[in-house]
N, C-alpha and C. Protein backbone atom coordinates (compact mmCIF):
# COMPACT_ATOMS: atom_id res chain seq x y z
N MET A 1 16.79 17.74 18.69
CA MET A 1 16.56 17.51 17.29
C MET A 1 17.61 16.55 16.72
N LEU A 2 18.85 16.73 17.10
CA LEU A 2 19.91 15.86 16.61
C LEU A 2 19.72 14.43 17.11
N LEU A 3 19.26 14.30 18.36
CA LEU A 3 19.02 12.96 18.89
C LEU A 3 17.86 12.28 18.16
N ASN A 4 16.85 13.05 17.76
CA ASN A 4 15.76 12.47 16.97
C ASN A 4 16.26 11.93 15.65
N ILE A 5 17.11 12.70 14.97
CA ILE A 5 17.65 12.27 13.69
C ILE A 5 18.49 11.01 13.86
N ILE A 6 19.34 11.01 14.86
CA ILE A 6 20.18 9.84 15.12
C ILE A 6 19.31 8.63 15.47
N GLY A 7 18.26 8.84 16.24
CA GLY A 7 17.36 7.75 16.61
C GLY A 7 16.64 7.17 15.41
N PHE A 8 16.14 8.03 14.51
CA PHE A 8 15.45 7.53 13.31
C PHE A 8 16.40 6.78 12.40
N LEU A 9 17.62 7.32 12.21
CA LEU A 9 18.59 6.64 11.36
C LEU A 9 19.01 5.30 11.96
N THR A 10 19.18 5.27 13.27
CA THR A 10 19.54 4.02 13.94
C THR A 10 18.43 2.99 13.79
N ALA A 11 17.19 3.42 13.98
CA ALA A 11 16.05 2.50 13.83
C ALA A 11 15.96 1.99 12.39
N GLY A 12 16.17 2.86 11.41
CA GLY A 12 16.14 2.44 10.01
C GLY A 12 17.23 1.45 9.69
N LEU A 13 18.43 1.72 10.19
CA LEU A 13 19.54 0.78 9.97
C LEU A 13 19.28 -0.56 10.65
N LEU A 14 18.73 -0.54 11.83
CA LEU A 14 18.43 -1.78 12.54
C LEU A 14 17.36 -2.59 11.81
N ILE A 15 16.32 -1.92 11.34
CA ILE A 15 15.27 -2.62 10.58
C ILE A 15 15.86 -3.20 9.30
N GLY A 16 16.68 -2.42 8.60
CA GLY A 16 17.32 -2.93 7.39
C GLY A 16 18.25 -4.09 7.67
N TRP A 17 19.00 -4.00 8.76
CA TRP A 17 19.95 -5.06 9.12
C TRP A 17 19.23 -6.37 9.41
N ILE A 18 18.03 -6.28 9.96
CA ILE A 18 17.27 -7.49 10.28
C ILE A 18 16.54 -8.04 9.05
N ASP A 19 15.97 -7.17 8.23
CA ASP A 19 15.08 -7.63 7.17
C ASP A 19 15.73 -7.81 5.80
N ILE A 20 16.82 -7.13 5.49
CA ILE A 20 17.40 -7.21 4.16
C ILE A 20 18.13 -8.53 3.89
N PRO A 21 18.96 -9.06 4.80
CA PRO A 21 19.68 -10.30 4.47
C PRO A 21 18.79 -11.49 4.09
N PRO A 22 17.67 -11.76 4.78
CA PRO A 22 16.84 -12.89 4.32
C PRO A 22 16.25 -12.67 2.92
N LEU A 23 15.86 -11.45 2.62
CA LEU A 23 15.31 -11.17 1.28
C LEU A 23 16.39 -11.34 0.22
N TRP A 24 17.61 -10.91 0.52
CA TRP A 24 18.71 -11.04 -0.43
C TRP A 24 19.08 -12.51 -0.63
N LYS A 25 19.10 -13.26 0.47
CA LYS A 25 19.50 -14.67 0.42
C LYS A 25 18.49 -15.50 -0.38
N GLU A 26 17.21 -15.19 -0.23
CA GLU A 26 16.17 -15.93 -0.94
C GLU A 26 15.93 -15.38 -2.35
N LYS A 27 16.75 -14.41 -2.76
CA LYS A 27 16.67 -13.82 -4.10
C LYS A 27 15.30 -13.23 -4.41
N LYS A 28 14.71 -12.60 -3.41
CA LYS A 28 13.42 -11.92 -3.59
C LYS A 28 13.71 -10.46 -3.91
N ARG A 29 14.10 -10.22 -5.16
CA ARG A 29 14.54 -8.89 -5.57
C ARG A 29 13.39 -7.88 -5.61
N LYS A 30 12.22 -8.29 -6.07
CA LYS A 30 11.09 -7.37 -6.13
C LYS A 30 10.67 -6.94 -4.73
N GLU A 31 10.58 -7.90 -3.82
CA GLU A 31 10.20 -7.59 -2.45
C GLU A 31 11.24 -6.69 -1.79
N LEU A 32 12.52 -6.96 -2.10
CA LEU A 32 13.61 -6.15 -1.54
C LEU A 32 13.53 -4.72 -2.05
N THR A 33 13.24 -4.56 -3.34
CA THR A 33 13.11 -3.22 -3.91
C THR A 33 11.97 -2.45 -3.28
N ILE A 34 10.83 -3.09 -3.14
CA ILE A 34 9.67 -2.45 -2.52
C ILE A 34 9.96 -2.12 -1.06
N PHE A 35 10.58 -3.06 -0.35
CA PHE A 35 10.93 -2.83 1.05
C PHE A 35 11.85 -1.63 1.20
N LEU A 36 12.89 -1.55 0.36
CA LEU A 36 13.83 -0.44 0.45
C LEU A 36 13.17 0.89 0.11
N PHE A 37 12.27 0.89 -0.88
CA PHE A 37 11.56 2.11 -1.24
C PHE A 37 10.70 2.59 -0.07
N LEU A 38 9.93 1.67 0.53
CA LEU A 38 9.05 2.05 1.64
C LEU A 38 9.85 2.47 2.87
N LEU A 39 10.96 1.79 3.12
CA LEU A 39 11.82 2.16 4.26
C LEU A 39 12.41 3.55 4.04
N ALA A 40 12.89 3.82 2.83
CA ALA A 40 13.47 5.14 2.53
C ALA A 40 12.41 6.23 2.62
N ALA A 41 11.20 5.95 2.12
CA ALA A 41 10.13 6.95 2.18
C ALA A 41 9.74 7.24 3.62
N SER A 42 9.62 6.20 4.42
CA SER A 42 9.23 6.42 5.82
C SER A 42 10.34 7.14 6.59
N LEU A 43 11.59 6.81 6.31
CA LEU A 43 12.68 7.53 6.97
C LEU A 43 12.73 8.99 6.52
N ALA A 44 12.49 9.24 5.24
CA ALA A 44 12.52 10.62 4.75
C ALA A 44 11.42 11.45 5.41
N LEU A 45 10.21 10.90 5.50
CA LEU A 45 9.13 11.63 6.14
C LEU A 45 9.39 11.83 7.64
N SER A 46 9.92 10.81 8.29
CA SER A 46 10.21 10.92 9.72
C SER A 46 11.31 11.95 9.98
N LEU A 47 12.33 11.95 9.13
CA LEU A 47 13.40 12.93 9.31
C LEU A 47 12.91 14.34 9.02
N ALA A 48 12.02 14.47 8.03
CA ALA A 48 11.46 15.79 7.74
C ALA A 48 10.67 16.32 8.94
N LYS A 49 9.90 15.44 9.57
CA LYS A 49 9.16 15.86 10.77
C LYS A 49 10.12 16.14 11.93
N ALA A 50 11.22 15.39 12.01
CA ALA A 50 12.18 15.59 13.09
C ALA A 50 12.87 16.94 13.00
N ILE A 51 13.08 17.43 11.77
CA ILE A 51 13.71 18.74 11.64
C ILE A 51 12.67 19.85 11.49
N LYS A 52 11.44 19.50 11.84
CA LYS A 52 10.32 20.43 11.95
C LYS A 52 9.91 21.07 10.62
N LEU A 53 9.96 20.28 9.54
CA LEU A 53 9.40 20.73 8.27
C LEU A 53 7.90 20.49 8.30
N ASN A 54 7.16 21.31 7.60
CA ASN A 54 5.71 21.16 7.53
C ASN A 54 5.37 20.10 6.49
N VAL A 55 5.10 18.88 6.94
CA VAL A 55 4.78 17.77 6.05
C VAL A 55 3.30 17.45 6.22
N PRO A 56 2.52 17.60 5.15
CA PRO A 56 1.09 17.28 5.27
C PRO A 56 0.87 15.78 5.38
N SER A 57 -0.25 15.42 5.93
CA SER A 57 -0.60 14.02 6.09
C SER A 57 -0.95 13.41 4.73
N PRO A 58 -0.43 12.22 4.42
CA PRO A 58 -0.80 11.56 3.17
C PRO A 58 -2.29 11.23 3.12
N LEU A 59 -2.93 11.07 4.26
CA LEU A 59 -4.36 10.78 4.29
C LEU A 59 -5.16 11.95 3.72
N LEU A 60 -4.70 13.17 3.94
CA LEU A 60 -5.39 14.33 3.38
C LEU A 60 -5.34 14.31 1.85
N PHE A 61 -4.22 13.86 1.28
CA PHE A 61 -4.10 13.75 -0.16
C PHE A 61 -5.06 12.70 -0.71
N ILE A 62 -5.18 11.59 -0.02
CA ILE A 62 -6.07 10.52 -0.47
C ILE A 62 -7.53 10.97 -0.38
N LEU A 63 -7.90 11.62 0.72
CA LEU A 63 -9.28 12.04 0.91
C LEU A 63 -9.67 13.23 0.04
N SER A 64 -8.68 13.98 -0.46
CA SER A 64 -9.02 15.15 -1.27
C SER A 64 -9.47 14.76 -2.67
N GLY A 65 -9.26 13.51 -3.05
CA GLY A 65 -9.70 13.06 -4.36
C GLY A 65 -8.70 13.32 -5.46
N ASN A 66 -7.43 13.56 -5.11
CA ASN A 66 -6.42 13.80 -6.13
C ASN A 66 -5.91 12.52 -6.78
N LEU A 67 -6.25 11.39 -6.23
CA LEU A 67 -5.87 10.13 -6.85
C LEU A 67 -6.91 9.75 -7.90
N LYS A 68 -6.48 9.06 -8.93
CA LYS A 68 -7.36 8.76 -10.05
C LYS A 68 -8.58 7.94 -9.62
N TYR A 69 -8.36 6.93 -8.80
CA TYR A 69 -9.46 6.05 -8.41
C TYR A 69 -9.79 6.15 -6.92
N SER A 70 -9.48 7.26 -6.31
CA SER A 70 -9.72 7.37 -4.87
C SER A 70 -11.21 7.43 -4.54
N TRP A 71 -12.06 7.75 -5.53
CA TRP A 71 -13.50 7.84 -5.28
C TRP A 71 -14.09 6.50 -4.89
N CYS A 72 -13.46 5.39 -5.34
CA CYS A 72 -14.07 4.09 -5.11
C CYS A 72 -13.89 3.62 -3.66
N CYS A 73 -12.90 4.16 -2.96
CA CYS A 73 -12.67 3.70 -1.60
C CYS A 73 -12.64 4.86 -0.61
N SER A 74 -13.07 6.01 -1.03
CA SER A 74 -13.06 7.17 -0.15
C SER A 74 -14.32 7.18 0.72
N PRO A 75 -14.17 7.50 2.00
CA PRO A 75 -15.37 7.59 2.85
C PRO A 75 -16.26 8.77 2.45
N LEU A 76 -15.73 9.68 1.64
CA LEU A 76 -16.50 10.83 1.21
C LEU A 76 -17.16 10.61 -0.15
N ALA A 77 -17.04 9.41 -0.69
CA ALA A 77 -17.61 9.11 -2.01
C ALA A 77 -19.13 9.13 -1.94
N PRO A 78 -19.77 9.61 -2.99
CA PRO A 78 -21.24 9.60 -2.99
C PRO A 78 -21.76 8.16 -3.03
N PRO A 79 -22.88 7.90 -2.39
CA PRO A 79 -23.40 6.53 -2.37
C PRO A 79 -23.82 6.10 -3.78
N SER A 80 -23.66 4.83 -4.06
CA SER A 80 -23.98 4.30 -5.39
C SER A 80 -25.47 4.09 -5.54
């Protein structure tokens, strides 16, 4: 379990080390903010799974219809 956590953190740091400097240098602040948010979210979910927390699939949330406009792109939507 500890090796999984170290591996995920190492992978996240490596991805950040490769991708953050060009975004910072080109002054792409919006892209950098979105990138950091998505990287942090993916690391948080991966670490939660690594320590064996019960994390539901985000796809189940989308398909359950809890999103405001999920009916328009859901495979379970009634035909028009």
